[in-house]
């Protein structure tokens, strides 16, 4: 009787074992989960690395700034996001960002070290005795504005005379409160607008 009982038990045990097809499916699921997790980890690692590099680049080499206020309209409007590049070899007409009283201001370079600046009551700007061409201003935008410096004014060594494009409201180097911008205050030249997308492009 004992051998018969053992054979019956063996038959029952063998019948309960999963088939090869079922084993293959389960193995496929396990392998799929492993591949999925590897891909997920790889994707997360890549995204974190890219984000870290983007922050590093934006902080050290290409600061991204958001424009507030309207002192640079129509060139730049509130909400625009711009990229800043090198602060070397700046020239007349460049749009720059600089630190002022724990803020970052954006203005346009009008004159550099040693040059003489004069402004008439109609808002025409003269550098070294020559009236400068300002195509970036809107028609009728020339304005004497908040000017309380003694004119003509010679730009000190290592400094820049800057003005906003919206001359009527901009407080800039025409006013003693701001004065000329020292090279150490500079964040850099603004070269590219990246937002909004419909206005993306170079800054002139």
N, C-alpha and C. Protein backbone atom coordinates (compact mmCIF):
# COMPACT_ATOMS: atom_id res chain seq x y z
N UNK A 1 0.83 -1.21 0.00
CA UNK A 1 0.00 0.00 0.00
C UNK A 1 0.85 1.25 0.00
N UNK A 2 1.95 1.24 0.65
CA UNK A 2 2.81 2.42 0.76
C UNK A 2 3.34 2.89 -0.57
N UNK A 3 3.84 2.01 -1.43
CA UNK A 3 4.34 2.46 -2.74
C UNK A 3 3.26 3.09 -3.58
N UNK A 4 2.03 2.56 -3.54
CA UNK A 4 0.95 3.14 -4.31
C UNK A 4 0.64 4.57 -3.85
N UNK A 5 0.66 4.82 -2.57
CA UNK A 5 0.39 6.14 -2.01
C UNK A 5 1.44 7.14 -2.47
N UNK A 6 2.69 6.73 -2.46
CA UNK A 6 3.79 7.61 -2.88
C UNK A 6 3.67 7.95 -4.35
N UNK A 7 3.32 7.02 -5.19
CA UNK A 7 3.19 7.28 -6.62
C UNK A 7 2.06 8.26 -6.87
N UNK A 8 0.95 8.11 -6.14
CA UNK A 8 -0.16 9.02 -6.31
C UNK A 8 0.24 10.42 -5.93
N UNK A 9 1.00 10.56 -4.82
CA UNK A 9 1.46 11.88 -4.37
C UNK A 9 2.36 12.51 -5.42
N UNK A 10 3.22 11.69 -6.02
CA UNK A 10 4.14 12.21 -7.03
C UNK A 10 3.36 12.70 -8.25
N UNK A 11 2.30 11.98 -8.63
CA UNK A 11 1.48 12.39 -9.77
C UNK A 11 0.80 13.72 -9.50
N UNK A 12 0.30 13.87 -8.26
CA UNK A 12 -0.38 15.13 -7.89
C UNK A 12 0.61 16.29 -7.91
N UNK A 13 1.83 16.08 -7.36
CA UNK A 13 2.85 17.13 -7.30
C UNK A 13 3.26 17.55 -8.70
N UNK A 14 3.44 16.60 -9.60
CA UNK A 14 3.85 16.92 -10.97
C UNK A 14 2.75 17.68 -11.70
N UNK A 15 1.51 17.38 -11.39
CA UNK A 15 0.41 18.07 -12.05
C UNK A 15 0.32 19.52 -11.62
N UNK A 16 0.78 19.82 -10.38
CA UNK A 16 0.72 21.20 -9.87
C UNK A 16 1.84 22.08 -10.39
N UNK A 17 2.87 21.56 -10.98
CA UNK A 17 3.99 22.35 -11.47
C UNK A 17 3.57 23.21 -12.66
N UNK A 18 4.06 24.47 -12.77
CA UNK A 18 3.71 25.33 -13.92
C UNK A 18 4.30 24.79 -15.20
N UNK A 19 3.62 25.04 -16.29
CA UNK A 19 4.09 24.58 -17.59
C UNK A 19 5.23 25.46 -18.09
N UNK A 20 5.94 24.98 -19.05
CA UNK A 20 7.09 25.71 -19.61
C UNK A 20 6.66 27.05 -20.19
N UNK A 21 5.47 27.09 -20.81
CA UNK A 21 4.98 28.34 -21.42
C UNK A 21 4.70 29.40 -20.35
N UNK A 22 4.14 28.95 -19.20
CA UNK A 22 3.86 29.87 -18.11
C UNK A 22 5.15 30.40 -17.50
N UNK A 23 6.11 29.47 -17.34
CA UNK A 23 7.42 29.88 -16.82
C UNK A 23 8.07 30.91 -17.73
N UNK A 24 7.96 30.70 -19.02
CA UNK A 24 8.55 31.62 -20.00
C UNK A 24 7.91 33.00 -19.91
N UNK A 25 6.57 33.04 -19.74
CA UNK A 25 5.87 34.31 -19.62
C UNK A 25 6.30 35.08 -18.37
N UNK A 26 6.38 34.34 -17.24
CA UNK A 26 6.78 34.98 -15.98
C UNK A 26 8.21 35.50 -16.07
N UNK A 27 9.08 34.71 -16.70
CA UNK A 27 10.46 35.13 -16.86
C UNK A 27 10.54 36.39 -17.74
N UNK A 28 9.69 36.43 -18.77
CA UNK A 28 9.64 37.61 -19.64
C UNK A 28 9.20 38.85 -18.88
N UNK A 29 8.20 38.69 -17.99
CA UNK A 29 7.73 39.81 -17.18
C UNK A 29 8.83 40.33 -16.27
N UNK A 30 9.55 39.40 -15.66
CA UNK A 30 10.64 39.79 -14.75
C UNK A 30 11.72 40.55 -15.51
N UNK A 31 12.09 40.04 -16.68
CA UNK A 31 13.12 40.70 -17.49
C UNK A 31 12.65 42.09 -17.94
N UNK A 32 11.35 42.20 -18.30
CA UNK A 32 10.79 43.48 -18.73
C UNK A 32 10.86 44.51 -17.60
N UNK A 33 10.49 44.05 -16.36
CA UNK A 33 10.55 44.95 -15.21
C UNK A 33 11.98 45.41 -14.95
N UNK A 34 12.92 44.49 -15.09
CA UNK A 34 14.33 44.84 -14.87
C UNK A 34 14.80 45.86 -15.90
N UNK A 35 14.42 45.63 -17.19
CA UNK A 35 14.80 46.57 -18.24
C UNK A 35 14.16 47.94 -18.01
N UNK A 36 12.89 47.93 -17.59
CA UNK A 36 12.16 49.17 -17.33
C UNK A 36 12.84 49.97 -16.21
N UNK A 37 13.20 49.28 -15.13
CA UNK A 37 13.84 49.96 -14.00
C UNK A 37 15.20 50.51 -14.39
N UNK A 38 15.96 49.73 -15.20
CA UNK A 38 17.27 50.22 -15.65
C UNK A 38 17.10 51.47 -16.50
N UNK A 39 16.10 51.43 -17.42
CA UNK A 39 15.84 52.59 -18.29
C UNK A 39 15.39 53.79 -17.48
N UNK A 40 14.53 53.55 -16.48
CA UNK A 40 14.04 54.63 -15.64
C UNK A 40 15.18 55.28 -14.86
N UNK A 41 16.02 54.43 -14.25
CA UNK A 41 17.17 54.97 -13.49
C UNK A 41 18.09 55.77 -14.39
N UNK A 42 18.33 55.23 -15.60
CA UNK A 42 19.20 55.92 -16.55
C UNK A 42 18.62 57.26 -16.98
N UNK A 43 17.29 57.29 -17.22
CA UNK A 43 16.62 58.53 -17.63
C UNK A 43 16.67 59.57 -16.53
N UNK A 44 16.37 59.14 -15.30
CA UNK A 44 16.40 60.07 -14.16
C UNK A 44 17.81 60.62 -13.96
N UNK A 45 18.80 59.76 -14.05
CA UNK A 45 20.18 60.21 -13.89
C UNK A 45 20.56 61.23 -14.96
N UNK A 46 20.14 60.95 -16.20
CA UNK A 46 20.44 61.87 -17.31
C UNK A 46 19.77 63.22 -17.10
N UNK A 47 18.49 63.20 -16.69
CA UNK A 47 17.76 64.46 -16.46
C UNK A 47 18.38 65.27 -15.33
N UNK A 48 18.76 64.61 -14.25
CA UNK A 48 19.39 65.30 -13.12
C UNK A 48 20.71 65.90 -13.55
N UNK A 49 21.50 65.15 -14.32
CA UNK A 49 22.79 65.65 -14.79
C UNK A 49 22.63 66.86 -15.69
N UNK A 50 21.67 66.76 -16.64
CA UNK A 50 21.43 67.88 -17.56
C UNK A 50 20.95 69.11 -16.80
N UNK A 51 20.05 68.91 -15.84
CA UNK A 51 19.54 70.03 -15.05
C UNK A 51 20.67 70.69 -14.25
N UNK A 52 21.52 69.87 -13.66
CA UNK A 52 22.64 70.41 -12.88
C UNK A 52 23.59 71.21 -13.77
N UNK A 53 23.87 70.68 -14.95
CA UNK A 53 24.75 71.39 -15.89
C UNK A 53 24.12 72.70 -16.35
N UNK A 54 22.79 72.65 -16.60
CA UNK A 54 22.09 73.86 -17.04
C UNK A 54 22.16 74.95 -15.97
N UNK A 55 21.96 74.55 -14.72
CA UNK A 55 22.04 75.51 -13.62
C UNK A 55 23.46 76.07 -13.51
N UNK A 56 24.45 75.19 -13.65
CA UNK A 56 25.85 75.62 -13.56
C UNK A 56 26.19 76.60 -14.67
N UNK A 57 25.78 76.27 -15.89
CA UNK A 57 26.06 77.15 -17.03
C UNK A 57 25.34 78.48 -16.86
N UNK A 58 24.06 78.42 -16.45
CA UNK A 58 23.28 79.64 -16.29
C UNK A 58 23.83 80.53 -15.19
N UNK A 59 24.40 79.91 -14.16
CA UNK A 59 24.91 80.68 -13.04
C UNK A 59 26.28 81.27 -13.31
N UNK A 60 27.14 80.50 -13.95
CA UNK A 60 28.54 80.92 -14.11
C UNK A 60 28.80 81.56 -15.45
N UNK A 61 28.38 80.93 -16.54
CA UNK A 61 28.78 81.39 -17.86
C UNK A 61 27.71 82.19 -18.59
N UNK A 62 26.47 81.74 -18.54
CA UNK A 62 25.40 82.39 -19.30
C UNK A 62 24.21 82.67 -18.39
N UNK A 63 24.31 83.68 -17.53
CA UNK A 63 23.18 83.97 -16.64
C UNK A 63 21.91 84.27 -17.42
N UNK A 64 20.79 83.69 -16.96
CA UNK A 64 19.49 83.97 -17.55
C UNK A 64 18.75 84.94 -16.63
N UNK A 65 18.27 86.04 -17.20
CA UNK A 65 17.64 87.09 -16.41
C UNK A 65 16.21 87.32 -16.90
N UNK A 66 15.35 87.71 -15.97
CA UNK A 66 13.99 88.10 -16.34
C UNK A 66 13.85 89.60 -16.19
N UNK A 67 13.22 90.23 -17.19
CA UNK A 67 13.09 91.68 -17.21
C UNK A 67 11.89 92.11 -16.36
N UNK A 68 12.12 93.14 -15.52
CA UNK A 68 11.06 93.75 -14.74
C UNK A 68 11.00 95.23 -15.08
N UNK A 69 9.82 95.80 -15.05
CA UNK A 69 9.69 97.22 -15.35
C UNK A 69 9.67 97.49 -16.84
N UNK A 70 9.58 98.78 -17.20
CA UNK A 70 9.45 99.15 -18.60
C UNK A 70 10.45 100.20 -19.05
N UNK A 71 11.59 100.27 -18.36
CA UNK A 71 12.58 101.29 -18.72
C UNK A 71 13.32 100.97 -20.01
N UNK A 72 13.16 99.73 -20.53
CA UNK A 72 13.85 99.36 -21.78
C UNK A 72 12.88 99.07 -22.92
N UNK A 73 11.61 99.43 -22.76
CA UNK A 73 10.68 99.25 -23.87
C UNK A 73 11.02 100.23 -24.98
N UNK A 74 10.84 99.86 -26.23
CA UNK A 74 10.22 98.63 -26.73
C UNK A 74 11.20 97.47 -26.92
N UNK A 75 12.51 97.71 -26.69
CA UNK A 75 13.50 96.66 -26.93
C UNK A 75 13.23 95.44 -26.06
N UNK A 76 13.01 95.69 -24.78
CA UNK A 76 12.72 94.61 -23.83
C UNK A 76 11.49 94.98 -23.02
N UNK A 77 10.64 93.98 -22.79
CA UNK A 77 9.40 94.21 -22.05
C UNK A 77 9.39 93.39 -20.76
N UNK A 78 8.59 93.83 -19.81
CA UNK A 78 8.46 93.10 -18.55
C UNK A 78 8.05 91.66 -18.83
N UNK A 79 8.75 90.72 -18.22
CA UNK A 79 8.46 89.30 -18.42
C UNK A 79 9.39 88.63 -19.41
N UNK A 80 10.07 89.42 -20.25
CA UNK A 80 11.04 88.83 -21.18
C UNK A 80 12.14 88.12 -20.40
N UNK A 81 12.62 87.00 -20.95
CA UNK A 81 13.77 86.31 -20.36
C UNK A 81 14.92 86.38 -21.36
N UNK A 82 16.09 86.77 -20.84
CA UNK A 82 17.23 87.04 -21.71
C UNK A 82 18.48 86.33 -21.19
N UNK A 83 19.43 86.12 -22.10
CA UNK A 83 20.69 85.47 -21.76
C UNK A 83 21.81 86.50 -21.78
N UNK A 84 22.62 86.47 -20.74
CA UNK A 84 23.75 87.40 -20.64
C UNK A 84 25.04 86.68 -20.99
N UNK A 85 25.92 87.38 -21.74
CA UNK A 85 27.21 86.80 -22.11
C UNK A 85 28.33 87.68 -21.57
N UNK A 86 29.48 87.58 -22.17
CA UNK A 86 30.69 88.25 -21.69
C UNK A 86 30.47 89.74 -21.43
N UNK A 87 31.16 90.23 -20.41
CA UNK A 87 31.09 91.66 -20.11
C UNK A 87 32.34 92.40 -20.59
N UNK A 88 33.10 91.77 -21.48
CA UNK A 88 34.30 92.39 -22.02
C UNK A 88 34.01 93.06 -23.36
N UNK A 89 34.84 94.06 -23.68
CA UNK A 89 34.77 94.74 -24.98
C UNK A 89 33.39 95.31 -25.28
N UNK A 90 32.77 95.92 -24.28
CA UNK A 90 31.47 96.55 -24.49
C UNK A 90 31.62 97.82 -25.30
N UNK A 91 30.63 98.09 -26.11
CA UNK A 91 30.68 99.29 -26.96
C UNK A 91 29.34 100.00 -26.95
N UNK A 92 29.34 101.19 -27.51
CA UNK A 92 28.12 101.99 -27.59
C UNK A 92 27.01 101.20 -28.29
N UNK A 93 25.84 101.19 -27.68
CA UNK A 93 24.70 100.48 -28.25
C UNK A 93 24.43 99.12 -27.63
N UNK A 94 25.40 98.56 -26.93
CA UNK A 94 25.20 97.26 -26.28
C UNK A 94 24.21 97.40 -25.12
N UNK A 95 23.36 96.40 -24.96
CA UNK A 95 22.43 96.34 -23.83
C UNK A 95 23.09 95.51 -22.74
N UNK A 96 23.18 96.07 -21.53
CA UNK A 96 23.91 95.39 -20.45
C UNK A 96 23.06 95.29 -19.19
N UNK A 97 23.41 94.30 -18.37
CA UNK A 97 22.81 94.14 -17.05
C UNK A 97 23.89 94.44 -16.02
N UNK A 98 23.50 95.09 -14.93
CA UNK A 98 24.48 95.41 -13.88
C UNK A 98 23.80 95.44 -12.52
N UNK A 99 24.62 95.24 -11.49
CA UNK A 99 24.12 95.24 -10.12
C UNK A 99 24.00 96.67 -9.61
N UNK A 100 22.88 96.93 -8.94
CA UNK A 100 22.68 98.24 -8.33
C UNK A 100 21.76 98.08 -7.13
N UNK A 101 22.29 98.36 -5.93
CA UNK A 101 21.50 98.27 -4.69
C UNK A 101 20.76 96.93 -4.56
N UNK A 102 21.50 95.85 -4.70
CA UNK A 102 20.94 94.50 -4.57
C UNK A 102 19.89 94.16 -5.62
N UNK A 103 19.90 94.91 -6.71
CA UNK A 103 19.02 94.62 -7.84
C UNK A 103 19.88 94.48 -9.09
N UNK A 104 19.28 93.94 -10.13
CA UNK A 104 19.94 93.88 -11.44
C UNK A 104 19.16 94.78 -12.38
N UNK A 105 19.82 95.82 -12.87
CA UNK A 105 19.21 96.75 -13.81
C UNK A 105 19.69 96.46 -15.22
N UNK A 106 18.86 96.82 -16.19
CA UNK A 106 19.22 96.63 -17.60
C UNK A 106 19.12 97.98 -18.31
N UNK A 107 20.21 98.39 -18.96
CA UNK A 107 20.25 99.66 -19.69
C UNK A 107 21.11 99.47 -20.94
N UNK A 108 21.25 100.57 -21.69
CA UNK A 108 22.03 100.54 -22.93
C UNK A 108 23.27 101.42 -22.77
N UNK A 109 24.41 100.90 -23.24
CA UNK A 109 25.65 101.66 -23.18
C UNK A 109 25.58 102.82 -24.17
N UNK A 110 25.82 104.03 -23.66
CA UNK A 110 25.81 105.22 -24.50
C UNK A 110 27.23 105.73 -24.75
N UNK A 111 28.06 105.63 -23.73
CA UNK A 111 29.44 106.10 -23.86
C UNK A 111 30.34 105.31 -22.93
N UNK A 112 31.61 105.25 -23.25
CA UNK A 112 32.59 104.50 -22.45
C UNK A 112 33.63 105.45 -21.86
N UNK A 113 34.59 104.88 -21.15
CA UNK A 113 35.59 105.65 -20.41
C UNK A 113 36.19 106.79 -21.22
N UNK A 114 36.21 107.98 -20.61
CA UNK A 114 36.86 109.13 -21.22
C UNK A 114 36.03 109.92 -22.20
N UNK A 115 34.91 109.36 -22.67
CA UNK A 115 34.08 110.07 -23.64
C UNK A 115 33.21 111.13 -22.95
N UNK A 116 32.88 112.15 -23.73
CA UNK A 116 32.03 113.23 -23.23
C UNK A 116 30.59 113.02 -23.70
N UNK A 117 29.66 113.15 -22.76
CA UNK A 117 28.23 112.98 -23.07
C UNK A 117 27.50 114.31 -22.85
N UNK A 118 26.65 114.64 -23.79
CA UNK A 118 25.81 115.83 -23.63
C UNK A 118 24.40 115.49 -24.11
N UNK A 119 23.41 116.11 -23.51
CA UNK A 119 22.00 115.86 -23.86
C UNK A 119 21.29 117.21 -23.93
N UNK A 120 20.63 117.48 -25.04
CA UNK A 120 19.89 118.74 -25.10
C UNK A 120 18.49 118.56 -24.54
N UNK A 121 17.76 119.64 -24.39
CA UNK A 121 16.45 119.61 -23.75
C UNK A 121 15.43 118.79 -24.53
N UNK A 122 15.70 118.52 -25.82
CA UNK A 122 14.79 117.69 -26.61
C UNK A 122 15.10 116.20 -26.47
N UNK A 123 16.20 115.91 -25.75
CA UNK A 123 16.56 114.52 -25.54
C UNK A 123 17.55 113.96 -26.53
N UNK A 124 18.06 114.80 -27.43
CA UNK A 124 19.09 114.35 -28.35
C UNK A 124 20.39 114.12 -27.57
N UNK A 125 21.06 113.01 -27.86
CA UNK A 125 22.27 112.63 -27.13
C UNK A 125 23.49 112.83 -28.03
N UNK A 126 24.51 113.45 -27.46
CA UNK A 126 25.75 113.70 -28.19
C UNK A 126 26.91 113.05 -27.44
N UNK A 127 27.76 112.36 -28.17
CA UNK A 127 28.96 111.76 -27.57
C UNK A 127 30.17 112.33 -28.30
N UNK A 128 31.07 112.96 -27.53
CA UNK A 128 32.24 113.64 -28.09
C UNK A 128 31.84 114.65 -29.16
N UNK A 129 30.74 115.33 -28.89
CA UNK A 129 30.29 116.40 -29.77
C UNK A 129 29.46 115.95 -30.96
N UNK A 130 29.27 114.65 -31.16
CA UNK A 130 28.52 114.16 -32.31
C UNK A 130 27.20 113.53 -31.86
N UNK A 131 26.13 113.93 -32.54
CA UNK A 131 24.81 113.37 -32.22
C UNK A 131 24.79 111.90 -32.63
N UNK A 132 24.39 111.04 -31.70
CA UNK A 132 24.42 109.61 -32.01
C UNK A 132 23.10 109.17 -32.63
N UNK A 133 23.17 108.16 -33.48
CA UNK A 133 21.99 107.58 -34.11
C UNK A 133 21.41 106.54 -33.17
N UNK A 134 20.11 106.63 -32.89
CA UNK A 134 19.48 105.70 -31.95
C UNK A 134 18.24 105.06 -32.57
N UNK A 135 18.43 104.10 -33.47
CA UNK A 135 17.30 103.46 -34.15
C UNK A 135 16.44 102.61 -33.23
N UNK A 136 16.95 102.28 -32.04
CA UNK A 136 16.22 101.44 -31.10
C UNK A 136 15.13 102.21 -30.36
N UNK A 137 15.12 103.53 -30.46
CA UNK A 137 14.10 104.33 -29.79
C UNK A 137 12.84 104.42 -30.64
N UNK A 138 11.69 104.42 -29.99
CA UNK A 138 10.45 104.63 -30.71
C UNK A 138 10.36 106.08 -31.16
N UNK A 139 9.57 106.31 -32.19
CA UNK A 139 9.37 107.68 -32.68
C UNK A 139 8.86 108.58 -31.54
N UNK A 140 9.54 109.68 -31.33
CA UNK A 140 9.13 110.62 -30.30
C UNK A 140 9.55 110.23 -28.90
N UNK A 141 10.37 109.18 -28.76
CA UNK A 141 10.75 108.69 -27.44
C UNK A 141 11.89 109.50 -26.82
N UNK A 142 12.62 110.26 -27.62
CA UNK A 142 13.71 111.05 -27.06
C UNK A 142 13.17 111.97 -25.98
N UNK A 143 13.86 111.97 -24.83
CA UNK A 143 13.35 112.73 -23.70
C UNK A 143 14.51 113.08 -22.76
N UNK A 144 14.49 114.28 -22.24
CA UNK A 144 15.55 114.72 -21.32
C UNK A 144 15.50 113.90 -20.03
N UNK A 145 14.30 113.50 -19.63
CA UNK A 145 14.14 112.60 -18.48
C UNK A 145 14.66 113.15 -17.17
N UNK A 146 14.95 112.22 -16.25
CA UNK A 146 15.41 112.59 -14.91
C UNK A 146 16.92 112.85 -14.92
N UNK A 147 17.28 113.98 -15.49
CA UNK A 147 18.70 114.35 -15.62
C UNK A 147 19.06 115.41 -14.59
N UNK A 148 19.97 115.06 -13.68
CA UNK A 148 20.42 116.06 -12.70
C UNK A 148 21.94 116.11 -12.60
N UNK A 149 22.65 115.50 -13.57
CA UNK A 149 24.11 115.61 -13.58
C UNK A 149 24.50 116.88 -14.36
N UNK A 150 25.71 117.31 -14.15
CA UNK A 150 26.19 118.48 -14.86
C UNK A 150 26.67 118.07 -16.25
N UNK A 151 26.09 118.70 -17.26
CA UNK A 151 26.43 118.41 -18.64
C UNK A 151 27.25 119.55 -19.26
N UNK A 152 28.14 119.25 -20.22
CA UNK A 152 28.53 117.90 -20.66
C UNK A 152 29.26 117.14 -19.56
N UNK A 153 29.20 115.81 -19.66
CA UNK A 153 29.72 114.94 -18.60
C UNK A 153 30.76 114.00 -19.19
N UNK A 154 31.93 113.93 -18.54
CA UNK A 154 32.96 113.00 -19.00
C UNK A 154 32.89 111.71 -18.20
N UNK A 155 32.82 110.59 -18.91
CA UNK A 155 32.71 109.28 -18.26
C UNK A 155 34.04 108.93 -17.59
N UNK A 156 34.03 108.65 -16.28
CA UNK A 156 35.26 108.31 -15.57
C UNK A 156 35.91 107.03 -16.10
N UNK A 157 37.17 106.86 -15.80
CA UNK A 157 37.91 105.68 -16.24
C UNK A 157 37.30 104.41 -15.64
N UNK A 158 37.17 103.38 -16.46
CA UNK A 158 36.64 102.09 -16.01
C UNK A 158 35.14 102.07 -15.81
N UNK A 159 34.44 103.09 -16.33
CA UNK A 159 32.99 103.15 -16.14
C UNK A 159 32.27 103.30 -17.48
N UNK A 160 30.95 103.09 -17.44
CA UNK A 160 30.11 103.19 -18.63
C UNK A 160 28.92 104.11 -18.34
N UNK A 161 28.59 104.95 -19.31
CA UNK A 161 27.42 105.81 -19.20
C UNK A 161 26.27 105.06 -19.87
N UNK A 162 25.21 104.78 -19.11
CA UNK A 162 24.11 103.96 -19.63
C UNK A 162 22.79 104.71 -19.53
N UNK A 163 21.87 104.37 -20.45
CA UNK A 163 20.54 104.95 -20.45
C UNK A 163 19.53 103.89 -20.86
N UNK A 164 18.30 104.01 -20.34
CA UNK A 164 17.23 103.12 -20.76
C UNK A 164 16.66 103.59 -22.08
N UNK A 165 16.02 102.68 -22.81
CA UNK A 165 15.42 103.05 -24.09
C UNK A 165 14.12 103.84 -23.92
N UNK A 166 13.46 103.64 -22.79
CA UNK A 166 12.26 104.44 -22.50
C UNK A 166 12.71 105.64 -21.68
N UNK A 167 13.18 106.66 -22.37
CA UNK A 167 13.90 107.77 -21.75
C UNK A 167 13.08 108.56 -20.73
N UNK A 168 11.78 108.61 -20.93
CA UNK A 168 10.96 109.43 -20.03
C UNK A 168 10.90 108.86 -18.62
N UNK A 169 10.92 107.54 -18.48
CA UNK A 169 10.75 106.92 -17.16
C UNK A 169 12.04 106.32 -16.60
N UNK A 170 13.02 106.10 -17.44
CA UNK A 170 14.24 105.42 -17.00
C UNK A 170 15.08 106.29 -16.08
N UNK A 171 15.49 105.70 -14.97
CA UNK A 171 16.45 106.35 -14.08
C UNK A 171 17.79 105.68 -14.34
N UNK A 172 18.75 106.43 -14.83
CA UNK A 172 20.00 105.84 -15.30
C UNK A 172 21.18 106.76 -15.04
N UNK A 173 22.19 106.72 -15.87
CA UNK A 173 23.40 107.52 -15.62
C UNK A 173 23.16 109.02 -15.72
N UNK A 174 22.03 109.42 -16.22
CA UNK A 174 21.68 110.83 -16.24
C UNK A 174 21.40 111.35 -14.84
N UNK A 175 21.13 110.42 -13.93
CA UNK A 175 20.75 110.78 -12.58
C UNK A 175 21.85 110.38 -11.60
N UNK A 176 22.17 111.26 -10.68
CA UNK A 176 23.24 111.01 -9.71
C UNK A 176 22.96 109.79 -8.85
N UNK A 177 21.68 109.43 -8.71
CA UNK A 177 21.33 108.26 -7.89
C UNK A 177 21.93 106.98 -8.45
N UNK A 178 22.07 106.92 -9.77
CA UNK A 178 22.66 105.74 -10.42
C UNK A 178 24.08 106.04 -10.88
N UNK A 179 24.22 107.11 -11.64
CA UNK A 179 25.54 107.50 -12.12
C UNK A 179 26.12 106.52 -13.13
N UNK A 180 27.39 106.68 -13.45
CA UNK A 180 28.04 105.76 -14.39
C UNK A 180 28.22 104.38 -13.75
N UNK A 181 28.21 103.35 -14.58
CA UNK A 181 28.31 101.97 -14.09
C UNK A 181 29.76 101.51 -14.11
N UNK A 182 30.22 101.03 -12.98
CA UNK A 182 31.58 100.51 -12.89
C UNK A 182 31.65 99.13 -13.54
N UNK A 183 32.80 98.81 -14.12
CA UNK A 183 32.96 97.51 -14.79
C UNK A 183 32.75 96.34 -13.82
N UNK A 184 33.01 96.56 -12.53
CA UNK A 184 32.83 95.50 -11.54
C UNK A 184 31.35 95.25 -11.23
N UNK A 185 30.49 96.19 -11.58
CA UNK A 185 29.05 96.02 -11.35
C UNK A 185 28.40 95.17 -12.44
N UNK A 186 29.07 95.01 -13.55
CA UNK A 186 28.46 94.39 -14.71
C UNK A 186 28.17 92.90 -14.53
N UNK A 187 27.00 92.48 -14.98
CA UNK A 187 26.67 91.07 -15.11
C UNK A 187 27.12 90.60 -16.48
N UNK A 188 26.84 91.42 -17.49
CA UNK A 188 27.26 91.09 -18.85
C UNK A 188 26.37 91.73 -19.89
N UNK A 189 26.73 91.51 -21.13
CA UNK A 189 25.95 92.01 -22.26
C UNK A 189 24.78 91.06 -22.52
N UNK A 190 23.61 91.62 -22.79
CA UNK A 190 22.44 90.80 -23.11
C UNK A 190 22.44 90.57 -24.62
N UNK A 191 22.50 89.32 -25.01
CA UNK A 191 22.64 89.00 -26.43
C UNK A 191 21.44 88.32 -27.04
N UNK A 192 20.64 87.61 -26.22
CA UNK A 192 19.56 86.79 -26.77
C UNK A 192 18.33 86.80 -25.88
N UNK A 193 17.17 87.01 -26.49
CA UNK A 193 15.90 86.87 -25.77
C UNK A 193 15.39 85.46 -26.03
N UNK A 194 15.12 84.70 -24.96
CA UNK A 194 14.67 83.31 -25.10
C UNK A 194 13.20 83.14 -24.75
N UNK A 195 12.58 84.17 -24.21
CA UNK A 195 11.15 84.11 -23.88
C UNK A 195 10.57 85.50 -23.95
N UNK A 196 9.36 85.68 -24.49
CA UNK A 196 8.46 84.64 -25.03
C UNK A 196 8.94 84.11 -26.38
N UNK A 197 8.47 82.93 -26.73
CA UNK A 197 8.95 82.26 -27.93
C UNK A 197 8.67 83.06 -29.20
N UNK A 198 7.55 83.79 -29.22
CA UNK A 198 7.22 84.53 -30.43
C UNK A 198 8.08 85.79 -30.61
N UNK A 199 8.89 86.11 -29.60
CA UNK A 199 9.81 87.24 -29.72
C UNK A 199 11.27 86.80 -29.53
N UNK A 200 11.50 85.50 -29.60
CA UNK A 200 12.85 84.99 -29.43
C UNK A 200 13.78 85.55 -30.51
N UNK A 201 14.98 85.92 -30.10
CA UNK A 201 15.94 86.43 -31.08
C UNK A 201 17.00 87.29 -30.43
N UNK A 202 17.89 87.79 -31.26
CA UNK A 202 18.99 88.62 -30.76
C UNK A 202 18.48 89.96 -30.27
N UNK A 203 19.24 90.57 -29.36
CA UNK A 203 18.87 91.87 -28.79
C UNK A 203 19.77 92.93 -29.42
N UNK A 204 19.14 93.91 -30.07
CA UNK A 204 19.89 94.99 -30.72
C UNK A 204 19.67 96.31 -29.99
